[in-house]
Amino acid sequence: MTKKLILASKSPFRSALLKNAGIEFSGESADIDERAVEAPLYKSGASPEDVALVLAEAKALDVSARHPDTVVIGCDQTLSMGDEIFHKPADMDAARRQLLKFSGQTHHLNSAVVLVKNGGTLWRHVSVARMTMRDLDPGFVGRYLGRVGDIALASVGAYQVEGSGIQLFERIDGDYFTIVGLPLLPLLAELRKENLIDG
């Protein structure tokens, strides 16, 4: 028997993954300052995977506080390359600089998902995808951003692999759901284990 769940995100991409999987849920954005939450983590040397988990948990706990006795799904994604962590680009110029920095390099998408109920964490998980971009011509990057427009600013990497962003890549090691930002197979397994969806 399916029980109502809340996704602590308004991401249309994450929502689509759950809807396509046949999961009944509602969506609600968390009210947290992500940069304030992660700043001390970076100073303490936390890994990008740990930062994603802490942010996912903070979002779920914030929404959980408003919905007693309801299971909340929290998720977050960090992008790391070497020791550097990247955020959503602020504008198209930042997106262009970011894509040129990724050109010919491998970066990691660290996607975390947690389940929270009544202020307690039931489960935590992080999956990592290795994303290798091909060598990108600056002119192509400009034309790509001109084609996709502001949607490039909606994702931490300035691309969506489910769209024309796939043209930027030479190799991808990791599953589609991790790349989009919600490790769906581990989440579904846990929801079945907790008897929250039909198994």
Protein backbone atom coordinates (compact mmCIF):
# COMPACT_ATOMS: atom_id res chain seq x y z
CA MET A 1 0.00 0.00 0.00
CA THR A 2 1.41 3.37 -1.04
CA LYS A 3 1.63 6.01 1.68
CA LYS A 4 1.93 9.72 0.99
CA LEU A 5 5.47 11.03 0.79
CA ILE A 6 6.85 14.56 0.52
CA LEU A 7 9.74 15.43 -1.75
CA ALA A 8 11.64 18.32 -0.14
CA SER A 9 12.38 19.83 -3.53
CA LYS A 10 10.64 21.75 -6.28
CA SER A 11 13.06 20.43 -8.92
CA PRO A 12 11.03 19.49 -11.99
CA PHE A 13 13.68 16.92 -12.89
CA ARG A 14 13.50 15.08 -9.56
CA SER A 15 9.71 15.30 -9.51
CA ALA A 16 9.55 13.77 -12.98
CA LEU A 17 11.69 10.82 -11.88
CA LEU A 18 9.32 10.01 -9.00
CA LYS A 19 6.19 10.56 -11.10
CA ASN A 20 7.51 8.33 -13.88
CA ALA A 21 8.22 5.63 -11.28
CA GLY A 22 4.56 5.75 -10.20
CA ILE A 23 5.24 7.17 -6.74
CA GLU A 24 2.52 9.20 -5.05
CA PHE A 25 4.04 12.28 -3.41
CA SER A 26 3.76 16.01 -2.96
CA GLY A 27 6.56 18.53 -3.34
CA GLU A 28 7.59 21.30 -0.98
CA SER A 29 10.72 23.45 -1.03
CA ALA A 30 12.89 23.61 2.05
CA ASP A 31 13.61 27.01 3.56
CA ILE A 32 17.33 26.78 4.31
CA ASP A 33 20.39 28.82 3.37
CA GLU A 34 22.44 26.17 1.56
CA ARG A 35 25.62 28.25 1.40
CA ALA A 36 25.44 28.91 5.17
CA VAL A 37 24.96 25.18 5.87
CA GLU A 38 27.87 24.08 3.69
CA ALA A 39 30.44 26.79 4.54
CA PRO A 40 31.60 25.23 7.85
CA LEU A 41 31.65 21.80 6.20
CA TYR A 42 34.13 22.93 3.56
CA LYS A 43 36.27 24.62 6.22
CA SER A 44 36.37 21.35 8.18
CA GLY A 45 37.47 19.40 5.11
CA ALA A 46 34.23 17.49 4.56
CA SER A 47 34.08 15.54 1.31
CA PRO A 48 31.70 16.61 -1.49
CA GLU A 49 29.70 13.44 -0.79
CA ASP A 50 29.31 14.39 2.88
CA VAL A 51 28.29 17.93 1.95
CA ALA A 52 25.57 16.57 -0.35
CA LEU A 53 24.30 14.30 2.45
CA VAL A 54 24.23 17.10 5.03
CA LEU A 55 22.37 19.42 2.64
CA ALA A 56 19.86 16.70 1.69
CA GLU A 57 19.26 15.98 5.38
CA ALA A 58 18.90 19.68 6.27
CA LYS A 59 16.26 20.12 3.55
CA ALA A 60 14.32 17.04 4.65
CA LEU A 61 14.45 18.03 8.34
CA ASP A 62 13.19 21.53 7.53
CA VAL A 63 10.16 20.19 5.65
CA SER A 64 9.61 17.39 8.19
CA ALA A 65 9.20 19.96 10.97
CA ARG A 66 6.03 21.18 9.21
CA HIS A 67 4.61 17.70 8.52
CA PRO A 68 4.52 15.37 11.54
CA ASP A 69 4.23 11.62 10.92
CA THR A 70 5.06 12.00 7.23
CA VAL A 71 8.14 10.60 5.52
CA VAL A 72 10.11 13.31 3.73
CA ILE A 73 12.58 12.64 0.92
CA GLY A 74 15.49 15.06 0.92
CA CYS A 75 18.04 15.25 -1.87
CA ASP A 76 20.97 17.35 -2.94
CA GLN A 77 23.80 17.19 -5.40
CA THR A 78 27.32 18.57 -5.37
CA LEU A 79 29.70 18.80 -8.31
CA SER A 80 33.39 18.39 -7.62
CA MET A 81 36.51 18.39 -9.77
CA GLY A 82 39.70 17.74 -7.89
CA ASP A 83 39.55 19.82 -4.73
CA GLU A 84 37.13 22.35 -6.20
CA ILE A 85 33.37 22.41 -5.56
CA PHE A 86 31.05 24.07 -8.07
CA HIS A 87 27.60 25.62 -7.65
CA LYS A 88 24.88 26.58 -10.10
CA PRO A 89 26.29 29.33 -12.34
CA ALA A 90 24.98 32.79 -11.49
CA ASP A 91 24.70 33.90 -15.12
CA MET A 92 25.51 32.82 -18.67
CA ASP A 93 29.05 34.16 -18.48
CA ALA A 94 29.69 32.04 -15.37
CA ALA A 95 28.15 29.03 -17.17
CA ARG A 96 30.50 29.56 -20.10
CA ARG A 97 33.58 29.79 -17.85
CA GLN A 98 32.49 26.70 -15.96
CA LEU A 99 31.97 24.59 -19.08
CA LEU A 100 35.34 25.64 -20.49
CA LYS A 101 36.96 24.64 -17.18
CA PHE A 102 35.32 21.18 -17.47
CA SER A 103 36.48 20.80 -21.09
CA GLY A 104 38.54 17.62 -21.50
CA GLN A 105 38.31 16.90 -17.76
CA THR A 106 36.45 14.47 -15.50
CA HIS A 107 34.21 15.83 -12.75
CA HIS A 108 31.98 14.07 -10.22
CA LEU A 109 28.28 14.48 -9.51
CA ASN A 110 27.62 13.45 -5.90
CA SER A 111 23.89 12.82 -5.44
CA ALA A 112 22.55 12.30 -1.92
CA VAL A 113 19.10 11.17 -0.81
CA VAL A 114 17.75 10.81 2.73
CA LEU A 115 14.48 9.79 4.37
CA VAL A 116 13.35 11.72 7.45
CA LYS A 117 10.30 11.37 9.70
CA ASN A 118 9.42 13.40 12.80
CA GLY A 119 12.83 15.04 12.87
CA GLY A 120 14.72 11.76 12.77
CA THR A 121 16.77 10.42 9.87
CA LEU A 122 15.65 6.95 8.76
CA TRP A 123 18.14 6.40 5.93
CA ARG A 124 20.95 8.13 4.02
CA HIS A 125 22.60 7.30 0.71
CA VAL A 126 24.96 8.94 -1.79
CA SER A 127 25.76 7.84 -5.34
CA VAL A 128 28.56 9.25 -7.51
CA ALA A 129 28.71 9.63 -11.30
CA ARG A 130 31.98 10.32 -13.14
CA MET A 131 31.40 12.75 -16.00
CA THR A 132 34.13 13.17 -18.64
CA MET A 133 33.63 16.06 -21.04
CA ARG A 134 35.12 16.07 -24.49
CA ASP A 135 37.47 18.86 -25.53
CA LEU A 136 35.12 21.76 -26.12
CA ASP A 137 35.67 24.52 -28.64
CA PRO A 138 34.85 27.92 -27.09
CA GLY A 139 32.68 28.78 -30.08
CA PHE A 140 30.66 25.61 -29.60
CA VAL A 141 30.17 26.41 -25.90
CA GLY A 142 28.79 29.82 -26.82
CA ARG A 143 26.43 28.33 -29.42
CA TYR A 144 25.33 25.59 -26.99
CA LEU A 145 24.46 28.13 -24.29
CA GLY A 146 22.66 30.26 -26.85
CA ARG A 147 20.52 27.25 -27.82
CA VAL A 148 19.63 26.04 -24.32
CA GLY A 149 19.21 29.47 -22.76
CA ASP A 150 18.59 30.03 -19.05
CA ILE A 151 17.93 26.34 -18.35
CA ALA A 152 21.73 26.04 -18.21
CA LEU A 153 21.55 28.02 -14.95
CA ALA A 154 19.15 25.50 -13.36
CA SER A 155 21.77 22.77 -12.89
CA VAL A 156 25.05 22.76 -11.02
CA GLY A 157 27.00 21.70 -14.13
CA ALA A 158 25.28 24.13 -16.54
CA TYR A 159 23.97 21.15 -18.53
CA GLN A 160 21.14 18.63 -18.64
CA VAL A 161 22.18 15.25 -20.05
CA GLU A 162 18.54 14.46 -20.80
CA GLY A 163 18.69 17.26 -23.36
CA SER A 164 21.35 18.65 -25.68
CA GLY A 165 23.83 18.76 -22.78
CA ILE A 166 24.66 15.15 -23.66
CA GLN A 167 26.63 16.55 -26.61
CA LEU A 168 29.23 17.91 -24.20
CA PHE A 169 30.37 14.47 -23.04
CA GLU A 170 32.87 11.87 -24.12
CA ARG A 171 32.18 9.35 -21.34
CA ILE A 172 29.81 8.91 -18.40
CA ASP A 173 30.28 6.37 -15.60
CA GLY A 174 27.19 6.29 -13.41
CA ASP A 175 23.45 5.88 -13.72
CA TYR A 176 21.05 8.40 -15.22
CA PHE A 177 19.17 8.95 -11.95
CA THR A 178 22.34 9.90 -10.07
CA ILE A 179 23.18 12.38 -12.81
CA VAL A 180 19.73 14.00 -12.68
CA GLY A 181 20.08 14.29 -8.89
CA LEU A 182 18.01 11.55 -7.29
CA PRO A 183 19.51 8.04 -6.89
CA LEU A 184 16.22 6.35 -7.66
CA LEU A 185 17.02 2.63 -7.47
CA PRO A 186 18.45 2.73 -3.90
CA LEU A 187 15.57 5.03 -2.88
CA LEU A 188 12.91 2.68 -4.27
CA ALA A 189 14.57 -0.28 -2.55
CA GLU A 190 14.48 1.53 0.80
CA LEU A 191 10.86 2.67 0.33
CA ARG A 192 9.89 -0.96 -0.32
CA LYS A 193 11.91 -2.14 2.71
CA GLU A 194 10.05 0.38 4.90
CA ASN A 195 6.70 -0.67 3.39
CA LEU A 196 6.16 2.86 2.10
CA ILE A 197 5.45 1.70 -1.46
CA ASP A 198 4.07 -1.53 -2.86
CA GLY A 199 6.80 -4.14 -3.10
